[in-house]
C-alpha atoms as a PDB file:
ATOM      1  CA  MET A   1     -26.344 -51.382 -13.352  1.00  0.00           C
ATOM      2  CA  SER A   2     -22.575 -50.982 -13.393  1.00  0.00           C
ATOM      3  CA  ALA A   3     -20.687 -49.442 -16.286  1.00  0.00           C
ATOM      4  CA  ASN A   4     -18.432 -51.669 -18.391  1.00  0.00           C
ATOM      5  CA  HIS A   5     -14.717 -50.855 -18.285  1.00  0.00           C
ATOM      6  CA  GLY A   6     -11.924 -52.234 -20.373  1.00  0.00           C
ATOM      7  CA  PRO A   7      -9.038 -54.211 -18.886  1.00  0.00           C
ATOM      8  CA  GLY A   8      -6.885 -52.103 -16.558  1.00  0.00           C
ATOM      9  CA  GLU A   9      -9.213 -49.103 -16.749  1.00  0.00           C
ATOM     10  CA  GLY A  10     -10.415 -47.356 -13.623  1.00  0.00           C
ATOM     11  CA  PRO A  11     -13.743 -45.617 -13.129  1.00  0.00           C
ATOM     12  CA  ARG A  12     -14.373 -42.946 -15.716  1.00  0.00           C
ATOM     13  CA  PRO A  13     -14.884 -39.400 -14.383  1.00  0.00           C
ATOM     14  CA  PRO A  14     -18.180 -37.652 -14.972  1.00  0.00           C
ATOM     15  CA  SER A  15     -18.461 -35.825 -18.270  1.00  0.00           C
ATOM     16  CA  GLY A  16     -18.105 -32.419 -16.590  1.00  0.00           C
ATOM     17  CA  GLU A  17     -14.819 -33.369 -14.954  1.00  0.00           C
ATOM     18  CA  ALA A  18     -13.565 -35.024 -18.116  1.00  0.00           C
ATOM     19  CA  SER A  19     -13.831 -31.771 -20.032  1.00  0.00           C
ATOM     20  CA  ARG A  20     -12.402 -29.606 -17.258  1.00  0.00           C
ATOM     21  CA  GLN A  21      -8.911 -28.334 -18.056  1.00  0.00           C
ATOM     22  CA  PRO A  22      -6.531 -26.839 -15.489  1.00  0.00           C
ATOM     23  CA  THR A  23      -5.970 -23.140 -16.043  1.00  0.00           C
ATOM     24  CA  ARG A  24      -2.381 -21.983 -15.805  1.00  0.00           C
ATOM     25  CA  ARG A  25      -1.989 -18.647 -14.039  1.00  0.00           C
ATOM     26  CA  PRO A  26      -0.120 -16.159 -16.262  1.00  0.00           C
ATOM     27  CA  ARG A  27       3.048 -14.568 -14.931  1.00  0.00           C
ATOM     28  CA  TRP A  28       1.534 -11.076 -14.966  1.00  0.00           C
ATOM     29  CA  VAL A  29      -1.242 -12.245 -12.636  1.00  0.00           C
ATOM     30  CA  THR A  30       1.298 -13.656 -10.167  1.00  0.00           C
ATOM     31  CA  VAL A  31       3.506 -10.555 -10.281  1.00  0.00           C
ATOM     32  CA  LEU A  32       0.614  -8.161  -9.728  1.00  0.00           C
ATOM     33  CA  ALA A  33      -0.783 -10.344  -6.939  1.00  0.00           C
ATOM     34  CA  VAL A  34       2.585 -10.247  -5.151  1.00  0.00           C
ATOM     35  CA  LEU A  35       2.726  -6.464  -5.555  1.00  0.00           C
ATOM     36  CA  MET A  36      -0.797  -6.184  -4.150  1.00  0.00           C
ATOM     37  CA  LEU A  37       0.275  -8.367  -1.233  1.00  0.00           C
ATOM     38  CA  LEU A  38       3.227  -6.088  -0.472  1.00  0.00           C
ATOM     39  CA  ALA A  39       1.106  -2.965  -0.819  1.00  0.00           C
ATOM     40  CA  GLY A  40      -1.652  -4.420   1.332  1.00  0.00           C
ATOM     41  CA  ALA A  41       0.748  -5.510   4.069  1.00  0.00           C
ATOM     42  CA  ARG A  42       2.412  -2.086   4.109  1.00  0.00           C
ATOM     43  CA  LEU A  43      -0.931  -0.291   4.285  1.00  0.00           C
ATOM     44  CA  PHE A  44      -2.224  -2.658   6.961  1.00  0.00           C
ATOM     45  CA  LEU A  45       0.757  -2.291   9.283  1.00  0.00           C
ATOM     46  CA  GLY A  46       1.114   1.436   8.676  1.00  0.00           C
ATOM     47  CA  SER A  47      -2.541   2.210   9.311  1.00  0.00           C
ATOM     48  CA  LEU A  48      -2.621   0.141  12.501  1.00  0.00           C
ATOM     49  CA  THR A  49       0.513   1.920  13.744  1.00  0.00           C
ATOM     50  CA  ASP A  50      -1.015   5.319  13.013  1.00  0.00           C
ATOM     51  CA  LEU A  51      -4.320   4.452  14.687  1.00  0.00           C
ATOM     52  CA  ARG A  52      -2.527   3.118  17.744  1.00  0.00           C
ATOM     53  CA  ARG A  53      -0.400   6.263  17.963  1.00  0.00           C
ATOM     54  CA  MET A  54      -3.485   8.464  17.726  1.00  0.00           C
ATOM     55  CA  VAL A  55      -5.175   6.530  20.521  1.00  0.00           C
ATOM     56  CA  THR A  56      -2.187   6.258  22.862  1.00  0.00           C
ATOM     57  CA  GLY A  57      -0.515   9.567  22.015  1.00  0.00           C
ATOM     58  CA  ARG A  58       2.900   7.891  21.871  1.00  0.00           C
ATOM     59  CA  SER A  59       5.341   9.571  19.496  1.00  0.00           C
ATOM     60  CA  MET A  60       7.116   7.229  17.103  1.00  0.00           C
ATOM     61  CA  ALA A  61       9.782   9.894  16.560  1.00  0.00           C
ATOM     62  CA  GLU A  62      11.132   9.202  20.047  1.00  0.00           C
ATOM     63  CA  VAL A  63      11.555   5.444  19.701  1.00  0.00           C
ATOM     64  CA  ARG A  64      15.040   3.982  19.745  1.00  0.00           C
ATOM     65  CA  LEU A  65      16.568   3.494  16.324  1.00  0.00           C
ATOM     66  CA  GLU A  66      19.382   1.016  15.791  1.00  0.00           C
ATOM     67  CA  GLY A  67      22.066   1.054  13.126  1.00  0.00           C
ATOM     68  CA  LEU A  68      21.918   4.728  12.192  1.00  0.00           C
ATOM     69  CA  ALA A  69      25.067   5.752  10.329  1.00  0.00           C
ATOM     70  CA  ASP A  70      25.150   9.445  11.253  1.00  0.00           C
ATOM     71  CA  ALA A  71      23.134  12.365  12.536  1.00  0.00           C
ATOM     72  CA  ASP A  72      21.877  13.330   9.067  1.00  0.00           C
ATOM     73  CA  GLN A  73      20.336   9.892   8.606  1.00  0.00           C
ATOM     74  CA  GLU A  74      18.673  10.180  12.008  1.00  0.00           C
ATOM     75  CA  VAL A  75      17.261  13.581  11.067  1.00  0.00           C
ATOM     76  CA  LEU A  76      15.739  12.124   7.909  1.00  0.00           C
ATOM     77  CA  ILE A  77      14.066   9.219   9.692  1.00  0.00           C
ATOM     78  CA  ARG A  78      12.974  10.945  12.887  1.00  0.00           C
ATOM     79  CA  GLY A  79      12.164  14.119  10.998  1.00  0.00           C
ATOM     80  CA  GLN A  80       9.739  12.328   8.672  1.00  0.00           C
ATOM     81  CA  LEU A  81       7.986  10.736  11.651  1.00  0.00           C
ATOM     82  CA  ALA A  82       7.881  13.986  13.630  1.00  0.00           C
ATOM     83  CA  LEU A  83       6.512  16.007  10.705  1.00  0.00           C
ATOM     84  CA  ASP A  84       3.837  13.394   9.959  1.00  0.00           C
ATOM     85  CA  GLU A  85       2.775  13.479  13.597  1.00  0.00           C
ATOM     86  CA  ALA A  86       2.704  17.282  13.560  1.00  0.00           C
ATOM     87  CA  VAL A  87       0.338  17.218  10.568  1.00  0.00           C
ATOM     88  CA  ASP A  88      -1.866  14.629  12.288  1.00  0.00           C
ATOM     89  CA  ARG A  89      -2.067  16.768  15.444  1.00  0.00           C
ATOM     90  CA  SER A  90      -3.068  19.785  13.379  1.00  0.00           C
ATOM     91  CA  HIS A  91      -5.741  17.848  11.479  1.00  0.00           C
ATOM     92  CA  PRO A  92      -6.867  14.961  13.730  1.00  0.00           C
ATOM     93  CA  VAL A  93     -10.123  14.237  11.892  1.00  0.00           C
ATOM     94  CA  ALA A  94      -8.437  14.049   8.497  1.00  0.00           C
ATOM     95  CA  ALA A  95      -5.663  11.884   9.959  1.00  0.00           C
ATOM     96  CA  THR A  96      -8.162   9.432  11.447  1.00  0.00           C
ATOM     97  CA  VAL A  97     -10.184   9.219   8.233  1.00  0.00           C
ATOM     98  CA  GLN A  98      -7.032   8.669   6.187  1.00  0.00           C
ATOM     99  CA  ALA A  99      -5.750   5.933   8.504  1.00  0.00           C
ATOM    100  CA  ALA A 100      -9.125   4.178   8.416  1.00  0.00           C
ATOM    101  CA  ALA A 101      -9.230   4.457   4.622  1.00  0.00           C
ATOM    102  CA  ARG A 102      -5.737   2.938   4.337  1.00  0.00           C
ATOM    103  CA  LEU A 103      -6.818   0.069   6.582  1.00  0.00           C
ATOM    104  CA  ALA A 104      -9.916  -0.565   4.442  1.00  0.00           C
ATOM    105  CA  LEU A 105      -7.829  -0.476   1.259  1.00  0.00           C
ATOM    106  CA  ALA A 106      -5.345  -2.901   2.810  1.00  0.00           C
ATOM    107  CA  LEU A 107      -8.144  -5.379   3.491  1.00  0.00           C
ATOM    108  CA  VAL A 108      -9.397  -5.071  -0.096  1.00  0.00           C
ATOM    109  CA  PHE A 109      -5.871  -5.705  -1.398  1.00  0.00           C
ATOM    110  CA  LEU A 110      -5.422  -8.747   0.817  1.00  0.00           C
ATOM    111  CA  PHE A 111      -8.812 -10.166  -0.194  1.00  0.00           C
ATOM    112  CA  ALA A 112      -7.917  -9.670  -3.869  1.00  0.00           C
ATOM    113  CA  VAL A 113      -4.606 -11.477  -3.350  1.00  0.00           C
ATOM    114  CA  ALA A 114      -6.332 -14.387  -1.601  1.00  0.00           C
ATOM    115  CA  ALA A 115      -8.876 -14.623  -4.412  1.00  0.00           C
ATOM    116  CA  VAL A 116      -6.189 -14.577  -7.111  1.00  0.00           C
ATOM    117  CA  PHE A 117      -4.024 -17.260  -5.525  1.00  0.00           C
ATOM    118  CA  SER A 118      -7.008 -19.480  -4.744  1.00  0.00           C
ATOM    119  CA  ASP A 119      -8.207 -19.194  -8.372  1.00  0.00           C
ATOM    120  CA  ASP A 120     -11.432 -17.620  -7.177  1.00  0.00           C
ATOM    121  CA  PRO A 121     -13.368 -16.034 -10.084  1.00  0.00           C
ATOM    122  CA  ARG A 122     -13.888 -13.002  -7.840  1.00  0.00           C
ATOM    123  CA  GLY A 123     -10.158 -12.268  -8.089  1.00  0.00           C
ATOM    124  CA  ARG A 124     -10.629 -10.047 -11.120  1.00  0.00           C
ATOM    125  CA  ARG A 125     -13.485  -8.036  -9.599  1.00  0.00           C
ATOM    126  CA  ALA A 126     -11.629  -7.679  -6.297  1.00  0.00           C
ATOM    127  CA  SER A 127      -8.494  -6.474  -8.063  1.00  0.00           C
ATOM    128  CA  VAL A 128     -10.458  -3.901 -10.060  1.00  0.00           C
ATOM    129  CA  LEU A 129     -12.156  -2.741  -6.854  1.00  0.00           C
ATOM    130  CA  ALA A 130      -8.749  -2.420  -5.186  1.00  0.00           C
ATOM    131  CA  ALA A 131      -7.535  -0.367  -8.157  1.00  0.00           C
ATOM    132  CA  TRP A 132     -10.415   2.109  -7.970  1.00  0.00           C
ATOM    133  CA  ALA A 133     -10.205   2.364  -4.177  1.00  0.00           C
ATOM    134  CA  GLY A 134      -6.447   2.863  -4.330  1.00  0.00           C
ATOM    135  CA  MET A 135      -6.805   5.569  -6.969  1.00  0.00           C
ATOM    136  CA  ALA A 136      -9.379   7.417  -4.867  1.00  0.00           C
ATOM    137  CA  LEU A 137      -7.220   7.200  -1.744  1.00  0.00           C
ATOM    138  CA  HIS A 138      -4.008   8.355  -3.416  1.00  0.00           C
ATOM    139  CA  VAL A 139      -5.658  11.169  -5.367  1.00  0.00           C
ATOM    140  CA  GLY A 140      -7.326  12.332  -2.160  1.00  0.00           C
ATOM    141  CA  SER A 141      -4.001  12.221  -0.323  1.00  0.00           C
ATOM    142  CA  GLY A 142      -2.350  14.278  -3.048  1.00  0.00           C
ATOM    143  CA  VAL A 143      -5.098  16.887  -2.952  1.00  0.00           C
ATOM    144  CA  PHE A 144      -4.832  17.062   0.845  1.00  0.00           C
ATOM    145  CA  VAL A 145      -1.078  17.657   0.619  1.00  0.00           C
ATOM    146  CA  LEU A 146      -1.439  20.411  -1.973  1.00  0.00           C
ATOM    147  CA  THR A 147      -4.375  22.209  -0.366  1.00  0.00           C
ATOM    148  CA  VAL A 148      -3.717  21.764   3.357  1.00  0.00           C
ATOM    149  CA  VAL A 149      -0.258  20.448   4.214  1.00  0.00           C
ATOM    150  CA  ARG A 150       1.647  22.779   1.893  1.00  0.00           C
ATOM    151  CA  GLY A 151       0.444  25.829   3.799  1.00  0.00           C
ATOM    152  CA  GLY A 152       1.817  24.501   7.095  1.00  0.00           C
ATOM    153  CA  VAL A 153       5.399  23.758   6.058  1.00  0.00           C
ATOM    154  CA  ALA A 154       6.811  26.938   7.609  1.00  0.00           C
ATOM    155  CA  ASP A 155       5.059  26.249  10.917  1.00  0.00           C
ATOM    156  CA  ALA A 156       6.497  22.720  11.017  1.00  0.00           C
ATOM    157  CA  VAL A 157      10.137  23.794  10.636  1.00  0.00           C
ATOM    158  CA  PRO A 158      10.643  24.240  14.439  1.00  0.00           C
ATOM    159  CA  VAL A 159       9.665  20.577  14.881  1.00  0.00           C
ATOM    160  CA  LEU A 160      12.420  19.568  12.493  1.00  0.00           C
ATOM    161  CA  GLN A 161      14.860  21.918  14.229  1.00  0.00           C
ATOM    162  CA  GLN A 162      14.282  20.122  17.539  1.00  0.00           C
ATOM    163  CA  VAL A 163      14.919  16.757  15.916  1.00  0.00           C
ATOM    164  CA  ALA A 164      18.093  18.022  14.253  1.00  0.00           C
ATOM    165  CA  ALA A 165      19.374  19.623  17.441  1.00  0.00           C
ATOM    166  CA  LYS A 166      19.024  16.359  19.407  1.00  0.00           C
ATOM    167  CA  ALA A 167      20.553  14.247  16.661  1.00  0.00           C
ATOM    168  CA  HIS A 168      23.594  16.465  16.130  1.00  0.00           C
ATOM    169  CA  ALA A 169      24.101  16.996  19.860  1.00  0.00           C
ATOM    170  CA  ARG A 170      24.872  13.283  20.190  1.00  0.00           C
ATOM    171  CA  THR A 171      27.645  13.552  17.608  1.00  0.00           C
ATOM    172  CA  GLY A 172      28.916  17.002  18.613  1.00  0.00           C
ATOM    173  CA  ASP A 173      28.327  18.425  15.135  1.00  0.00           C
ATOM    174  CA  ALA A 174      26.707  21.734  14.323  1.00  0.00           C
ATOM    175  CA  PRO A 175      23.044  21.337  13.302  1.00  0.00           C
ATOM    176  CA  PRO A 176      21.959  22.309   9.768  1.00  0.00           C
ATOM    177  CA  THR A 177      20.970  25.869   9.027  1.00  0.00           C
ATOM    178  CA  ALA A 178      17.360  27.019   9.161  1.00  0.00           C
ATOM    179  CA  ALA A 179      17.265  27.340   5.361  1.00  0.00           C
ATOM    180  CA  THR A 180      18.477  23.757   4.955  1.00  0.00           C
ATOM    181  CA  LEU A 181      15.873  22.462   7.385  1.00  0.00           C
ATOM    182  CA  ALA A 182      13.133  24.479   5.675  1.00  0.00           C
ATOM    183  CA  GLN A 183      14.037  22.836   2.374  1.00  0.00           C
ATOM    184  CA  LEU A 184      14.096  19.424   4.039  1.00  0.00           C
ATOM    185  CA  ALA A 185      10.694  20.057   5.604  1.00  0.00           C
ATOM    186  CA  SER A 186       9.270  20.925   2.185  1.00  0.00           C
ATOM    187  CA  THR A 187      10.744  17.741   0.723  1.00  0.00           C
ATOM    188  CA  LEU A 188       9.431  15.479   3.486  1.00  0.00           C
ATOM    189  CA  MET A 189       5.990  17.073   3.745  1.00  0.00           C
ATOM    190  CA  ILE A 190       5.205  17.765   0.080  1.00  0.00           C
ATOM    191  CA  GLN A 191       7.491  16.098  -2.429  1.00  0.00           C
ATOM    192  CA  VAL A 192       7.754  12.678  -0.771  1.00  0.00           C
ATOM    193  CA  PRO A 193       3.972  12.302  -0.161  1.00  0.00           C
ATOM    194  CA  LEU A 194       3.190  13.499  -3.682  1.00  0.00           C
ATOM    195  CA  LEU A 195       5.642  10.987  -5.130  1.00  0.00           C
ATOM    196  CA  ALA A 196       4.060   8.214  -3.066  1.00  0.00           C
ATOM    197  CA  ALA A 197       0.588   9.288  -4.229  1.00  0.00           C
ATOM    198  CA  ALA A 198       1.712   9.347  -7.863  1.00  0.00           C
ATOM    199  CA  LEU A 199       3.157   5.839  -7.590  1.00  0.00           C
ATOM    200  CA  GLY A 200      -0.064   4.646  -5.977  1.00  0.00           C
ATOM    201  CA  VAL A 201      -2.128   6.095  -8.819  1.00  0.00           C
ATOM    202  CA  LEU A 202       0.152   4.495 -11.417  1.00  0.00           C
ATOM    203  CA  PHE A 203      -0.178   1.114  -9.715  1.00  0.00           C
ATOM    204  CA  SER A 204      -3.952   1.500  -9.655  1.00  0.00           C
ATOM    205  CA  VAL A 205      -3.950   2.304 -13.380  1.00  0.00           C
ATOM    206  CA  LEU A 206      -1.804  -0.779 -14.004  1.00  0.00           C
ATOM    207  CA  LEU A 207      -4.311  -2.950 -12.154  1.00  0.00           C
ATOM    208  CA  LEU A 208      -7.190  -1.459 -14.126  1.00  0.00           C
ATOM    209  CA  VAL A 209      -5.446  -1.949 -17.462  1.00  0.00           C
ATOM    210  CA  THR A 210      -4.573  -5.587 -16.720  1.00  0.00           C
ATOM    211  CA  PHE A 211      -7.325  -7.074 -14.555  1.00  0.00           C
ATOM    212  CA  GLY A 212      -9.998  -4.737 -15.888  1.00  0.00           C
ATOM    213  CA  GLY A 213      -8.826  -4.864 -19.471  1.00  0.00           C
ATOM    214  CA  ARG A 214      -8.706  -7.439 -22.222  1.00  0.00           C
ATOM    215  CA  ARG A 215      -6.066  -9.608 -20.532  1.00  0.00           C
ATOM    216  CA  GLY A 216      -8.093  -9.967 -17.369  1.00  0.00           C
ATOM    217  CA  ARG A 217     -11.339 -10.682 -19.213  1.00  0.00           C
ATOM    218  CA  LEU A 218      -9.728 -13.334 -21.397  1.00  0.00           C
ATOM    219  CA  PHE A 219      -7.962 -15.091 -18.524  1.00  0.00           C
ATOM    220  CA  TYR A 220     -10.926 -15.171 -16.159  1.00  0.00           C
ATOM    221  CA  ASN A 221     -13.443 -16.002 -18.882  1.00  0.00           C
ATOM    222  CA  ASP A 222     -11.243 -18.914 -19.972  1.00  0.00           C
ATOM    223  CA  GLY A 223     -11.028 -20.023 -16.339  1.00  0.00           C
ATOM    224  CA  VAL A 224     -14.788 -19.976 -15.992  1.00  0.00           C
ATOM    225  CA  LYS A 225     -15.195 -21.991 -19.200  1.00  0.00           C
ATOM    226  CA  ALA A 226     -12.637 -24.520 -17.955  1.00  0.00           C
ATOM    227  CA  ASP A 227     -14.475 -24.877 -14.646  1.00  0.00           C
ATOM    228  CA  HIS A 228     -17.887 -25.273 -16.223  1.00  0.00           C
ATOM    229  CA  GLY A 229     -17.015 -26.894 -19.528  1.00  0.00           C
END
């Protein structure tokens, strides 16, 4: 038996669809999802590069760099790569575990982003999981720097001296003094990684406060009610 419709009226939707309201994604959700996308892409590419380098043994510090302004800029870029590789050679197991952990975290970030932008209810849980995993990774990296890497700064200075000698030989300038390079090695091996770890922890806390807090519960609970109302 067909339903009666008034003039000009189309078929009426089922009662469940009639009560379903579209849920507008708040700006904070979009901003954090974009930040997770950037962080996940950076972790994904960086971890794959590190794993490939460990397998092939190819040094990234020797690759050709275009557009360098001067020798000091080259020392900063090549020096960071050379010092990171020196630490990885000294601690190959820790380097492999860290690269694998960054790759796993990247996949969690990317899954969380996909869930958020597809309005999947699992977006909140995935984002909270990414926050806890990111906090564990960055805290572990900071502890590793303070307990292991810091003791090897003096031994890594000759690596930086070789980089500086090659860079300044191309320009004909005198290379920096040993004291200057020792300070630079400390900055690149300790201060820069600790700053990166601190920023990672802060971002993880931000994700926990938003997705895991009242805002996240209200938004995703409202979305579930709209889908099943």
